[in-house]
């Protein structure tokens, strides 16, 4: 490499988990909204990778109460 600061690549990896919950308080539209007056919750595992101490890659998998799930990818510089 031309720049001596980048001769060795530093990588840090963290495993984490998340859990979210909330309550929907909507007493007037109970007949048309099956989520009214009910608890919602979800969560899942995640992996964070930090490269060169300033670029973060985040990979998350979440599963929600209704059976929906998703894989979320993110990245960006943290200055």
PDB file of N, CA and C in Angstrom:
ATOM      1  N   UNK A   1       0.834  -1.181   0.000  1.00  0.00           N
ATOM      2  CA  UNK A   1       0.000   0.000   0.000  1.00  0.00           C
ATOM      3  C   UNK A   1       0.881   1.248   0.000  1.00  0.00           C
ATOM      4  N   UNK A   2       0.361   2.293  -0.584  1.00  0.00           N
ATOM      5  CA  UNK A   2       1.097   3.553  -0.639  1.00  0.00           C
ATOM      6  C   UNK A   2       1.032   4.331   0.677  1.00  0.00           C
ATOM      7  N   UNK A   3      -0.046   4.133   1.426  1.00  0.00           N
ATOM      8  CA  UNK A   3      -0.209   4.836   2.690  1.00  0.00           C
ATOM      9  C   UNK A   3       0.012   3.827   3.819  1.00  0.00           C
ATOM     10  N   UNK A   4       0.952   4.106   4.694  1.00  0.00           N
ATOM     11  CA  UNK A   4       1.321   3.134   5.727  1.00  0.00           C
ATOM     12  C   UNK A   4       0.196   2.891   6.730  1.00  0.00           C
ATOM     13  N   UNK A   5      -0.742   3.809   6.884  1.00  0.00           N
ATOM     14  CA  UNK A   5      -1.847   3.631   7.816  1.00  0.00           C
ATOM     15  C   UNK A   5      -2.791   2.515   7.383  1.00  0.00           C
ATOM     16  N   UNK A   6      -2.785   2.182   6.111  1.00  0.00           N
ATOM     17  CA  UNK A   6      -3.698   1.173   5.597  1.00  0.00           C
ATOM     18  C   UNK A   6      -2.999  -0.141   5.263  1.00  0.00           C
ATOM     19  N   UNK A   7      -1.794  -0.372   5.802  1.00  0.00           N
ATOM     20  CA  UNK A   7      -1.099  -1.632   5.560  1.00  0.00           C
ATOM     21  C   UNK A   7      -1.844  -2.806   6.175  1.00  0.00           C
ATOM     22  N   UNK A   8      -2.406  -2.611   7.353  1.00  0.00           N
ATOM     23  CA  UNK A   8      -3.171  -3.657   8.010  1.00  0.00           C
ATOM     24  C   UNK A   8      -4.611  -3.193   8.173  1.00  0.00           C
ATOM     25  N   UNK A   9      -5.526  -4.062   7.827  1.00  0.00           N
ATOM     26  CA  UNK A   9      -6.940  -3.716   7.921  1.00  0.00           C
ATOM     27  C   UNK A   9      -7.474  -4.163   9.280  1.00  0.00           C
ATOM     28  N   UNK A  10      -7.997  -3.228  10.059  1.00  0.00           N
ATOM     29  CA  UNK A  10      -8.589  -3.573  11.345  1.00  0.00           C
ATOM     30  C   UNK A  10     -10.080  -3.848  11.153  1.00  0.00           C
ATOM     31  N   UNK A  11     -10.532  -4.966  11.705  1.00  0.00           N
ATOM     32  CA  UNK A  11     -11.930  -5.379  11.593  1.00  0.00           C
ATOM     33  C   UNK A  11     -12.427  -5.769  12.986  1.00  0.00           C
ATOM     34  N   UNK A  12     -13.575  -5.242  13.360  1.00  0.00           N
ATOM     35  CA  UNK A  12     -14.233  -5.618  14.612  1.00  0.00           C
ATOM     36  C   UNK A  12     -15.623  -6.138  14.285  1.00  0.00           C
ATOM     37  N   UNK A  13     -16.029  -7.201  14.975  1.00  0.00           N
ATOM     38  CA  UNK A  13     -17.328  -7.821  14.724  1.00  0.00           C
ATOM     39  C   UNK A  13     -18.084  -7.917  16.045  1.00  0.00           C
ATOM     40  N   UNK A  14     -19.357  -7.479  16.034  1.00  0.00           N
ATOM     41  CA  UNK A  14     -20.216  -7.563  17.202  1.00  0.00           C
ATOM     42  C   UNK A  14     -21.505  -8.287  16.839  1.00  0.00           C
ATOM     43  N   UNK A  15     -21.943  -9.170  17.720  1.00  0.00           N
ATOM     44  CA  UNK A  15     -23.255  -9.795  17.619  1.00  0.00           C
ATOM     45  C   UNK A  15     -24.168  -9.084  18.614  1.00  0.00           C
ATOM     46  N   UNK A  16     -25.404  -8.845  18.208  1.00  0.00           N
ATOM     47  CA  UNK A  16     -26.354  -8.193  19.104  1.00  0.00           C
ATOM     48  C   UNK A  16     -27.760  -8.690  18.799  1.00  0.00           C
ATOM     49  N   UNK A  17     -28.661  -8.373  19.673  1.00  0.00           N
ATOM     50  CA  UNK A  17     -30.055  -8.731  19.487  1.00  0.00           C
ATOM     51  C   UNK A  17     -30.931  -7.520  19.743  1.00  0.00           C
ATOM     52  N   UNK A  18     -32.134  -7.566  19.213  1.00  0.00           N
ATOM     53  CA  UNK A  18     -33.054  -6.450  19.409  1.00  0.00           C
ATOM     54  C   UNK A  18     -34.440  -6.987  19.746  1.00  0.00           C
ATOM     55  N   UNK A  19     -35.190  -6.194  20.488  1.00  0.00           N
ATOM     56  CA  UNK A  19     -36.578  -6.517  20.820  1.00  0.00           C
ATOM     57  C   UNK A  19     -37.348  -5.207  20.898  1.00  0.00           C
ATOM     58  N   UNK A  20     -38.430  -5.103  20.157  1.00  0.00           N
ATOM     59  CA  UNK A  20     -39.263  -3.904  20.128  1.00  0.00           C
ATOM     60  C   UNK A  20     -40.703  -4.296  20.434  1.00  0.00           C
ATOM     61  N   UNK A  21     -41.410  -3.406  21.095  1.00  0.00           N
ATOM     62  CA  UNK A  21     -42.819  -3.654  21.347  1.00  0.00           C
ATOM     63  C   UNK A  21     -43.572  -2.333  21.402  1.00  0.00           C
ATOM     64  N   UNK A  22     -44.862  -2.418  21.191  1.00  0.00           N
ATOM     65  CA  UNK A  22     -45.715  -1.246  21.229  1.00  0.00           C
ATOM     66  C   UNK A  22     -47.180  -1.655  21.311  1.00  0.00           C
ATOM     67  N   UNK A  23     -48.011  -0.710  21.663  1.00  0.00           N
ATOM     68  CA  UNK A  23     -49.447  -0.960  21.795  1.00  0.00           C
ATOM     69  C   UNK A  23     -50.198  -0.012  20.876  1.00  0.00           C
ATOM     70  N   UNK A  24     -51.186  -0.524  20.168  1.00  0.00           N
ATOM     71  CA  UNK A  24     -52.001   0.293  19.273  1.00  0.00           C
ATOM     72  C   UNK A  24     -53.306   0.604  19.997  1.00  0.00           C
ATOM     73  N   UNK A  25     -53.523   1.868  20.322  1.00  0.00           N
ATOM     74  CA  UNK A  25     -54.723   2.315  21.020  1.00  0.00           C
ATOM     75  C   UNK A  25     -55.612   3.052  20.027  1.00  0.00           C
ATOM     76  N   UNK A  26     -56.545   2.336  19.446  1.00  0.00           N
ATOM     77  CA  UNK A  26     -57.462   2.923  18.458  1.00  0.00           C
ATOM     78  C   UNK A  26     -58.853   2.330  18.688  1.00  0.00           C
ATOM     79  N   UNK A  27     -59.607   2.830  19.652  1.00  0.00           N
ATOM     80  CA  UNK A  27     -60.893   2.208  19.984  1.00  0.00           C
ATOM     81  C   UNK A  27     -62.003   2.442  18.966  1.00  0.00           C
ATOM     82  N   UNK A  28     -61.886   3.407  18.075  1.00  0.00           N
ATOM     83  CA  UNK A  28     -63.002   3.750  17.193  1.00  0.00           C
ATOM     84  C   UNK A  28     -63.085   2.907  15.929  1.00  0.00           C
ATOM     85  N   UNK A  29     -61.997   2.318  15.475  1.00  0.00           N
ATOM     86  CA  UNK A  29     -62.013   1.560  14.214  1.00  0.00           C
ATOM     87  C   UNK A  29     -61.723   0.081  14.442  1.00  0.00           C
ATOM     88  N   UNK A  30     -62.307  -0.500  15.452  1.00  0.00           N
ATOM     89  CA  UNK A  30     -62.062  -1.903  15.797  1.00  0.00           C
ATOM     90  C   UNK A  30     -62.571  -2.856  14.708  1.00  0.00           C
ATOM     91  N   UNK A  31     -63.663  -2.530  14.050  1.00  0.00           N
ATOM     92  CA  UNK A  31     -64.252  -3.434  13.060  1.00  0.00           C
ATOM     93  C   UNK A  31     -63.422  -3.515  11.779  1.00  0.00           C
ATOM     94  N   UNK A  32     -62.759  -2.442  11.405  1.00  0.00           N
ATOM     95  CA  UNK A  32     -62.035  -2.425  10.138  1.00  0.00           C
ATOM     96  C   UNK A  32     -60.531  -2.629  10.298  1.00  0.00           C
ATOM     97  N   UNK A  33     -60.017  -2.572  11.530  1.00  0.00           N
ATOM     98  CA  UNK A  33     -58.582  -2.721  11.755  1.00  0.00           C
ATOM     99  C   UNK A  33     -58.356  -3.815  12.788  1.00  0.00           C
ATOM    100  N   UNK A  34     -57.858  -4.975  12.356  1.00  0.00           N
ATOM    101  CA  UNK A  34     -57.650  -6.086  13.288  1.00  0.00           C
ATOM    102  C   UNK A  34     -56.470  -5.853  14.219  1.00  0.00           C
ATOM    103  N   UNK A  35     -55.662  -4.806  13.994  1.00  0.00           N
ATOM    104  CA  UNK A  35     -54.546  -4.485  14.882  1.00  0.00           C
ATOM    105  C   UNK A  35     -54.935  -3.509  15.985  1.00  0.00           C
ATOM    106  N   UNK A  36     -56.158  -2.971  15.932  1.00  0.00           N
ATOM    107  CA  UNK A  36     -56.579  -1.993  16.933  1.00  0.00           C
ATOM    108  C   UNK A  36     -56.625  -2.632  18.319  1.00  0.00           C
ATOM    109  N   UNK A  37     -56.156  -1.885  19.321  1.00  0.00           N
ATOM    110  CA  UNK A  37     -56.148  -2.312  20.720  1.00  0.00           C
ATOM    111  C   UNK A  37     -55.410  -3.634  20.927  1.00  0.00           C
ATOM    112  N   UNK A  38     -54.250  -3.745  20.356  1.00  0.00           N
ATOM    113  CA  UNK A  38     -53.458  -4.965  20.521  1.00  0.00           C
ATOM    114  C   UNK A  38     -51.977  -4.613  20.656  1.00  0.00           C
ATOM    115  N   UNK A  39     -51.239  -5.546  21.204  1.00  0.00           N
ATOM    116  CA  UNK A  39     -49.792  -5.397  21.352  1.00  0.00           C
ATOM    117  C   UNK A  39     -49.087  -5.875  20.095  1.00  0.00           C
ATOM    118  N   UNK A  40     -48.059  -5.155  19.688  1.00  0.00           N
ATOM    119  CA  UNK A  40     -47.189  -5.575  18.597  1.00  0.00           C
ATOM    120  C   UNK A  40     -45.787  -5.749  19.163  1.00  0.00           C
ATOM    121  N   UNK A  41     -45.105  -6.779  18.734  1.00  0.00           N
ATOM    122  CA  UNK A  41     -43.740  -7.006  19.191  1.00  0.00           C
ATOM    123  C   UNK A  41     -42.958  -7.745  18.122  1.00  0.00           C
ATOM    124  N   UNK A  42     -41.663  -7.609  18.197  1.00  0.00           N
ATOM    125  CA  UNK A  42     -40.783  -8.273  17.247  1.00  0.00           C
ATOM    126  C   UNK A  42     -39.346  -8.143  17.701  1.00  0.00           C
ATOM    127  N   UNK A  43     -38.476  -8.861  17.020  1.00  0.00           N
ATOM    128  CA  UNK A  43     -37.061  -8.802  17.362  1.00  0.00           C
ATOM    129  C   UNK A  43     -36.275  -9.807  16.561  1.00  0.00           C
ATOM    130  N   UNK A  44     -34.978  -9.834  16.832  1.00  0.00           N
ATOM    131  CA  UNK A  44     -34.123 -10.779  16.139  1.00  0.00           C
ATOM    132  C   UNK A  44     -32.650 -10.483  16.333  1.00  0.00           C
ATOM    133  N   UNK A  45     -31.812 -11.320  15.740  1.00  0.00           N
ATOM    134  CA  UNK A  45     -30.363 -11.152  15.860  1.00  0.00           C
ATOM    135  C   UNK A  45     -29.810 -10.166  14.833  1.00  0.00           C
ATOM    136  N   UNK A  46     -28.609  -9.667  15.128  1.00  0.00           N
ATOM    137  CA  UNK A  46     -27.948  -8.724  14.224  1.00  0.00           C
ATOM    138  C   UNK A  46     -26.441  -8.915  14.305  1.00  0.00           C
ATOM    139  N   UNK A  47     -25.761  -8.483  13.259  1.00  0.00           N
ATOM    140  CA  UNK A  47     -24.314  -8.559  13.167  1.00  0.00           C
ATOM    141  C   UNK A  47     -23.800  -7.210  12.685  1.00  0.00           C
ATOM    142  N   UNK A  48     -22.868  -6.625  13.427  1.00  0.00           N
ATOM    143  CA  UNK A  48     -22.242  -5.360  13.038  1.00  0.00           C
ATOM    144  C   UNK A  48     -20.764  -5.609  12.761  1.00  0.00           C
ATOM    145  N   UNK A  49     -20.277  -5.069  11.654  1.00  0.00           N
ATOM    146  CA  UNK A  49     -18.876  -5.204  11.267  1.00  0.00           C
ATOM    147  C   UNK A  49     -18.301  -3.804  11.095  1.00  0.00           C
ATOM    148  N   UNK A  50     -17.228  -3.514  11.811  1.00  0.00           N
ATOM    149  CA  UNK A  50     -16.572  -2.211  11.739  1.00  0.00           C
ATOM    150  C   UNK A  50     -15.225  -2.388  11.053  1.00  0.00           C
ATOM    151  N   UNK A  51     -15.025  -1.692   9.930  1.00  0.00           N
ATOM    152  CA  UNK A  51     -13.804  -1.817   9.125  1.00  0.00           C
ATOM    153  C   UNK A  51     -13.037  -0.502   9.182  1.00  0.00           C
ATOM    154  N   UNK A  52     -11.748  -0.586   9.420  1.00  0.00           N
ATOM    155  CA  UNK A  52     -10.864   0.579   9.515  1.00  0.00           C
ATOM    156  C   UNK A  52     -11.350   1.593  10.552  1.00  0.00           C
ATOM    157  N   UNK A  53     -12.067   1.128  11.563  1.00  0.00           N
ATOM    158  CA  UNK A  53     -12.562   1.950  12.674  1.00  0.00           C
ATOM    159  C   UNK A  53     -13.493   3.085  12.270  1.00  0.00           C
ATOM    160  N   UNK A  54     -13.989   3.100  11.034  1.00  0.00           N
ATOM    161  CA  UNK A  54     -14.940   4.164  10.693  1.00  0.00           C
ATOM    162  C   UNK A  54     -15.999   3.771   9.660  1.00  0.00           C
ATOM    163  N   UNK A  55     -15.986   2.565   9.116  1.00  0.00           N
ATOM    164  CA  UNK A  55     -17.043   2.143   8.200  1.00  0.00           C
ATOM    165  C   UNK A  55     -17.779   0.962   8.822  1.00  0.00           C
ATOM    166  N   UNK A  56     -19.085   1.122   9.030  1.00  0.00           N
ATOM    167  CA  UNK A  56     -19.876   0.093   9.691  1.00  0.00           C
ATOM    168  C   UNK A  56     -20.838  -0.559   8.708  1.00  0.00           C
ATOM    169  N   UNK A  57     -20.853  -1.892   8.730  1.00  0.00           N
ATOM    170  CA  UNK A  57     -21.806  -2.684   7.957  1.00  0.00           C
ATOM    171  C   UNK A  57     -22.713  -3.377   8.966  1.00  0.00           C
ATOM    172  N   UNK A  58     -24.016  -3.252   8.787  1.00  0.00           N
ATOM    173  CA  UNK A  58     -24.978  -3.828   9.717  1.00  0.00           C
ATOM    174  C   UNK A  58     -25.883  -4.802   8.966  1.00  0.00           C
ATOM    175  N   UNK A  59     -26.040  -6.008   9.518  1.00  0.00           N
ATOM    176  CA  UNK A  59     -26.915  -7.036   8.956  1.00  0.00           C
ATOM    177  C   UNK A  59     -27.887  -7.443  10.062  1.00  0.00           C
ATOM    178  N   UNK A  60     -29.180  -7.266   9.816  1.00  0.00           N
ATOM    179  CA  UNK A  60     -30.190  -7.559  10.830  1.00  0.00           C
ATOM    180  C   UNK A  60     -31.281  -8.446  10.241  1.00  0.00           C
ATOM    181  N   UNK A  61     -31.765  -9.373  11.063  1.00  0.00           N
ATOM    182  CA  UNK A  61     -32.916 -10.198  10.702  1.00  0.00           C
ATOM    183  C   UNK A  61     -33.969 -10.006  11.779  1.00  0.00           C
ATOM    184  N   UNK A  62     -35.183  -9.628  11.386  1.00  0.00           N
ATOM    185  CA  UNK A  62     -36.255  -9.371  12.344  1.00  0.00           C
ATOM    186  C   UNK A  62     -37.478 -10.207  12.010  1.00  0.00           C
ATOM    187  N   UNK A  63     -38.151 -10.648  13.058  1.00  0.00           N
ATOM    188  CA  UNK A  63     -39.391 -11.401  12.945  1.00  0.00           C
ATOM    189  C   UNK A  63     -40.427 -10.697  13.808  1.00  0.00           C
ATOM    190  N   UNK A  64     -41.625 -10.476  13.261  1.00  0.00           N
ATOM    191  CA  UNK A  64     -42.672  -9.736  13.952  1.00  0.00           C
ATOM    192  C   UNK A  64     -43.818 -10.646  14.332  1.00  0.00           C
ATOM    193  N   UNK A  65     -44.709 -10.137  15.187  1.00  0.00           N
ATOM    194  CA  UNK A  65     -45.827 -10.909  15.723  1.00  0.00           C
ATOM    195  C   UNK A  65     -46.728 -11.494  14.638  1.00  0.00           C
ATOM    196  N   UNK A  66     -46.896 -10.808  13.550  1.00  0.00           N
ATOM    197  CA  UNK A  66     -47.793 -11.260  12.490  1.00  0.00           C
ATOM    198  C   UNK A  66     -47.163 -12.311  11.584  1.00  0.00           C
ATOM    199  N   UNK A  67     -45.943 -12.725  11.885  1.00  0.00           N
ATOM    200  CA  UNK A  67     -45.263 -13.730  11.079  1.00  0.00           C
ATOM    201  C   UNK A  67     -44.429 -13.152   9.958  1.00  0.00           C
ATOM    202  N   UNK A  68     -44.408 -11.841   9.821  1.00  0.00           N
ATOM    203  CA  UNK A  68     -43.593 -11.214   8.788  1.00  0.00           C
ATOM    204  C   UNK A  68     -42.146 -11.138   9.265  1.00  0.00           C
ATOM    205  N   UNK A  69     -41.242 -11.300   8.327  1.00  0.00           N
ATOM    206  CA  UNK A  69     -39.819 -11.216   8.669  1.00  0.00           C
ATOM    207  C   UNK A  69     -39.091 -10.476   7.552  1.00  0.00           C
ATOM    208  N   UNK A  70     -37.872 -10.090   7.856  1.00  0.00           N
ATOM    209  CA  UNK A  70     -37.095  -9.385   6.849  1.00  0.00           C
ATOM    210  C   UNK A  70     -35.625  -9.354   7.202  1.00  0.00           C
ATOM    211  N   UNK A  71     -34.812  -9.251   6.187  1.00  0.00           N
ATOM    212  CA  UNK A  71     -33.374  -9.102   6.328  1.00  0.00           C
ATOM    213  C   UNK A  71     -33.033  -7.678   5.934  1.00  0.00           C
ATOM    214  N   UNK A  72     -32.362  -6.948   6.821  1.00  0.00           N
ATOM    215  CA  UNK A  72     -32.065  -5.539   6.605  1.00  0.00           C
ATOM    216  C   UNK A  72     -30.555  -5.346   6.580  1.00  0.00           C
ATOM    217  N   UNK A  73     -30.090  -4.688   5.537  1.00  0.00           N
ATOM    218  CA  UNK A  73     -28.667  -4.411   5.361  1.00  0.00           C
ATOM    219  C   UNK A  73     -28.448  -2.908   5.410  1.00  0.00           C
ATOM    220  N   UNK A  74     -27.374  -2.496   6.052  1.00  0.00           N
ATOM    221  CA  UNK A  74     -27.075  -1.082   6.127  1.00  0.00           C
ATOM    222  C   UNK A  74     -25.578  -0.877   6.208  1.00  0.00           C
ATOM    223  N   UNK A  75     -25.155   0.306   5.876  1.00  0.00           N
ATOM    224  CA  UNK A  75     -23.741   0.629   5.937  1.00  0.00           C
ATOM    225  C   UNK A  75     -23.554   2.130   5.894  1.00  0.00           C
ATOM    226  N   UNK A  76     -22.414   2.552   6.391  1.00  0.00           N
ATOM    227  CA  UNK A  76     -22.128   3.972   6.359  1.00  0.00           C
ATOM    228  C   UNK A  76     -20.892   4.300   7.165  1.00  0.00           C
ATOM    229  N   UNK A  77     -20.417   5.499   6.963  1.00  0.00           N
ATOM    230  CA  UNK A  77     -19.253   5.983   7.688  1.00  0.00           C
ATOM    231  C   UNK A  77     -19.688   6.588   9.003  1.00  0.00           C
ATOM    232  N   UNK A  78     -18.931   6.339  10.051  1.00  0.00           N
ATOM    233  CA  UNK A  78     -19.204   6.938  11.355  1.00  0.00           C
ATOM    234  C   UNK A  78     -18.051   7.842  11.718  1.00  0.00           C
ATOM    235  N   UNK A  79     -18.244   9.119  11.622  1.00  0.00           N
ATOM    236  CA  UNK A  79     -17.178  10.076  11.894  1.00  0.00           C
ATOM    237  C   UNK A  79     -17.349  10.682  13.249  1.00  0.00           C
TER     238      UNK A  79
END
